[in-house]
Amino acid sequence: MSDNHTHSHTALLVMDVQAGIVTRFAQTGDFLERVNTAITAARAAHIPVIYVVVAFRHYQLTVLSDCCVDSDEEVQRVLLSKVFPRQAEVVTAEAWSERLKLEAGR
């Protein structure tokens, strides 16, 4: 089996590796070196490299905590308490709906 056939359904996603995101985290040097190694390996193997860039910077993001589900309760807890609050407001659907009603009544 040729390498091209072996990797015909493979792609490397490089997600959120941009200055506005990466600079938020300490010790990015080793991380960026590992990402670069992976990108170089993918290109050498003729695997497409797809760059995904956060496009939410012009929006106020809100995560509705009681509308999120994960089969692993610990993953859900970490997402809602540590990950999502870094980039969005985390509230319940009821609280968000009530706030929208109040703002519409101004």
C-alpha atoms as a PDB file:
ATOM      1  CA  MET A   1       0.000   0.000   0.000  1.00  0.00           C
ATOM      2  CA  SER A   2       1.484   3.389  -0.948  1.00  0.00           C
ATOM      3  CA  ASP A   3       1.834   6.222   1.564  1.00  0.00           C
ATOM      4  CA  ASN A   4      -0.627   8.341  -0.430  1.00  0.00           C
ATOM      5  CA  HIS A   5      -3.244   5.590  -0.251  1.00  0.00           C
ATOM      6  CA  THR A   6      -2.562   4.982   3.455  1.00  0.00           C
ATOM      7  CA  HIS A   7      -3.139   8.668   4.241  1.00  0.00           C
ATOM      8  CA  SER A   8      -5.899   9.322   1.721  1.00  0.00           C
ATOM      9  CA  HIS A   9      -8.439  10.071   4.458  1.00  0.00           C
ATOM     10  CA  THR A  10      -6.048  11.775   6.868  1.00  0.00           C
ATOM     11  CA  ALA A  11      -5.627  15.471   7.597  1.00  0.00           C
ATOM     12  CA  LEU A  12      -3.878  17.406  10.329  1.00  0.00           C
ATOM     13  CA  LEU A  13      -6.036  20.104  11.952  1.00  0.00           C
ATOM     14  CA  VAL A  14      -4.048  22.955  13.461  1.00  0.00           C
ATOM     15  CA  MET A  15      -6.628  24.701  15.583  1.00  0.00           C
ATOM     16  CA  ASP A  16      -6.471  28.111  17.264  1.00  0.00           C
ATOM     17  CA  VAL A  17      -2.711  28.526  16.829  1.00  0.00           C
ATOM     18  CA  GLN A  18      -2.697  32.278  16.380  1.00  0.00           C
ATOM     19  CA  ALA A  19      -1.157  35.105  18.370  1.00  0.00           C
ATOM     20  CA  GLY A  20      -4.379  36.091  20.158  1.00  0.00           C
ATOM     21  CA  ILE A  21      -4.788  32.575  21.517  1.00  0.00           C
ATOM     22  CA  VAL A  22      -1.255  31.244  21.932  1.00  0.00           C
ATOM     23  CA  THR A  23       0.000  34.285  23.833  1.00  0.00           C
ATOM     24  CA  ARG A  24      -2.524  33.584  26.611  1.00  0.00           C
ATOM     25  CA  PHE A  25      -0.604  30.516  27.700  1.00  0.00           C
ATOM     26  CA  ALA A  26       2.745  30.218  29.426  1.00  0.00           C
ATOM     27  CA  GLN A  27       5.514  28.040  27.993  1.00  0.00           C
ATOM     28  CA  THR A  28       4.301  28.195  24.398  1.00  0.00           C
ATOM     29  CA  GLY A  29       7.803  27.573  23.019  1.00  0.00           C
ATOM     30  CA  ASP A  30       7.750  23.784  23.433  1.00  0.00           C
ATOM     31  CA  PHE A  31       4.140  23.676  22.256  1.00  0.00           C
ATOM     32  CA  LEU A  32       4.911  25.611  19.079  1.00  0.00           C
ATOM     33  CA  GLU A  33       7.936  23.410  18.376  1.00  0.00           C
ATOM     34  CA  ARG A  34       5.744  20.282  18.647  1.00  0.00           C
ATOM     35  CA  VAL A  35       3.113  21.831  16.365  1.00  0.00           C
ATOM     36  CA  ASN A  36       5.805  22.718  13.837  1.00  0.00           C
ATOM     37  CA  THR A  37       7.184  19.165  13.967  1.00  0.00           C
ATOM     38  CA  ALA A  38       3.707  17.755  13.305  1.00  0.00           C
ATOM     39  CA  ILE A  39       3.089  20.169  10.408  1.00  0.00           C
ATOM     40  CA  THR A  40       6.460  19.316   8.848  1.00  0.00           C
ATOM     41  CA  ALA A  41       5.766  15.578   9.183  1.00  0.00           C
ATOM     42  CA  ALA A  42       2.295  15.932   7.668  1.00  0.00           C
ATOM     43  CA  ARG A  43       3.608  17.870   4.685  1.00  0.00           C
ATOM     44  CA  ALA A  44       6.408  15.350   4.134  1.00  0.00           C
ATOM     45  CA  ALA A  45       3.784  12.573   4.088  1.00  0.00           C
ATOM     46  CA  HIS A  46       1.569  14.594   1.702  1.00  0.00           C
ATOM     47  CA  ILE A  47      -1.112  14.901   4.382  1.00  0.00           C
ATOM     48  CA  PRO A  48      -3.197  18.075   4.090  1.00  0.00           C
ATOM     49  CA  VAL A  49      -2.692  20.614   6.876  1.00  0.00           C
ATOM     50  CA  ILE A  50      -5.886  22.489   7.676  1.00  0.00           C
ATOM     51  CA  TYR A  51      -5.648  25.637   9.757  1.00  0.00           C
ATOM     52  CA  VAL A  52      -8.704  26.494  11.834  1.00  0.00           C
ATOM     53  CA  VAL A  53      -8.765  30.061  13.142  1.00  0.00           C
ATOM     54  CA  VAL A  54     -11.078  31.404  15.795  1.00  0.00           C
ATOM     55  CA  ALA A  55     -13.476  33.800  14.105  1.00  0.00           C
ATOM     56  CA  PHE A  56     -15.469  34.800  17.169  1.00  0.00           C
ATOM     57  CA  ARG A  57     -13.430  37.839  18.152  1.00  0.00           C
ATOM     58  CA  HIS A  58     -16.167  40.276  17.137  1.00  0.00           C
ATOM     59  CA  TYR A  59     -18.863  38.511  19.148  1.00  0.00           C
ATOM     60  CA  GLN A  60     -19.718  38.304  22.817  1.00  0.00           C
ATOM     61  CA  LEU A  61     -19.902  34.546  23.338  1.00  0.00           C
ATOM     62  CA  THR A  62     -22.303  32.946  25.771  1.00  0.00           C
ATOM     63  CA  VAL A  63     -22.308  29.265  26.689  1.00  0.00           C
ATOM     64  CA  LEU A  64     -25.603  27.958  28.001  1.00  0.00           C
ATOM     65  CA  SER A  65     -24.363  25.580  30.677  1.00  0.00           C
ATOM     66  CA  ASP A  66     -27.553  23.576  31.007  1.00  0.00           C
ATOM     67  CA  CYS A  67     -27.701  23.083  27.222  1.00  0.00           C
ATOM     68  CA  CYS A  68     -24.271  21.405  27.065  1.00  0.00           C
ATOM     69  CA  VAL A  69     -23.938  17.644  27.335  1.00  0.00           C
ATOM     70  CA  ASP A  70     -20.985  15.291  27.404  1.00  0.00           C
ATOM     71  CA  SER A  71     -21.016  11.576  28.108  1.00  0.00           C
ATOM     72  CA  ASP A  72     -18.120  12.101  30.515  1.00  0.00           C
ATOM     73  CA  GLU A  73     -19.253  14.186  33.488  1.00  0.00           C
ATOM     74  CA  GLU A  74     -15.681  15.183  34.366  1.00  0.00           C
ATOM     75  CA  VAL A  75     -15.038  16.497  30.856  1.00  0.00           C
ATOM     76  CA  GLN A  76     -18.235  18.519  31.037  1.00  0.00           C
ATOM     77  CA  ARG A  77     -17.292  19.902  34.449  1.00  0.00           C
ATOM     78  CA  VAL A  78     -13.852  20.978  33.231  1.00  0.00           C
ATOM     79  CA  LEU A  79     -15.253  22.557  30.063  1.00  0.00           C
ATOM     80  CA  LEU A  80     -17.923  24.523  31.913  1.00  0.00           C
ATOM     81  CA  SER A  81     -15.786  25.578  34.870  1.00  0.00           C
ATOM     82  CA  LYS A  82     -12.326  26.081  33.342  1.00  0.00           C
ATOM     83  CA  VAL A  83     -12.275  26.130  29.528  1.00  0.00           C
ATOM     84  CA  PHE A  84     -15.399  27.982  28.407  1.00  0.00           C
ATOM     85  CA  PRO A  85     -15.148  30.812  30.990  1.00  0.00           C
ATOM     86  CA  ARG A  86     -11.832  31.883  29.428  1.00  0.00           C
ATOM     87  CA  GLN A  87     -13.573  32.792  26.186  1.00  0.00           C
ATOM     88  CA  ALA A  88     -17.244  33.198  27.007  1.00  0.00           C
ATOM     89  CA  GLU A  89     -19.805  33.983  29.645  1.00  0.00           C
ATOM     90  CA  VAL A  90     -21.272  30.771  31.073  1.00  0.00           C
ATOM     91  CA  VAL A  91     -24.897  31.018  32.237  1.00  0.00           C
ATOM     92  CA  THR A  92     -28.036  28.915  32.310  1.00  0.00           C
ATOM     93  CA  ALA A  93     -30.546  29.061  29.474  1.00  0.00           C
ATOM     94  CA  GLU A  94     -33.128  30.584  31.813  1.00  0.00           C
ATOM     95  CA  ALA A  95     -30.787  33.350  33.006  1.00  0.00           C
ATOM     96  CA  TRP A  96     -29.787  34.167  29.429  1.00  0.00           C
ATOM     97  CA  SER A  97     -33.415  34.217  28.248  1.00  0.00           C
ATOM     98  CA  GLU A  98     -34.436  36.499  31.102  1.00  0.00           C
ATOM     99  CA  ARG A  99     -31.573  38.869  30.361  1.00  0.00           C
ATOM    100  CA  LEU A 100     -32.617  39.058  26.695  1.00  0.00           C
ATOM    101  CA  LYS A 101     -36.167  39.898  27.732  1.00  0.00           C
ATOM    102  CA  LEU A 102     -34.924  42.647  30.065  1.00  0.00           C
ATOM    103  CA  GLU A 103     -32.656  44.094  27.362  1.00  0.00           C
ATOM    104  CA  ALA A 104     -35.507  44.054  24.833  1.00  0.00           C
ATOM    105  CA  GLY A 105     -37.686  46.001  27.258  1.00  0.00           C
ATOM    106  CA  ARG A 106     -35.261  48.941  27.530  1.00  0.00           C
END
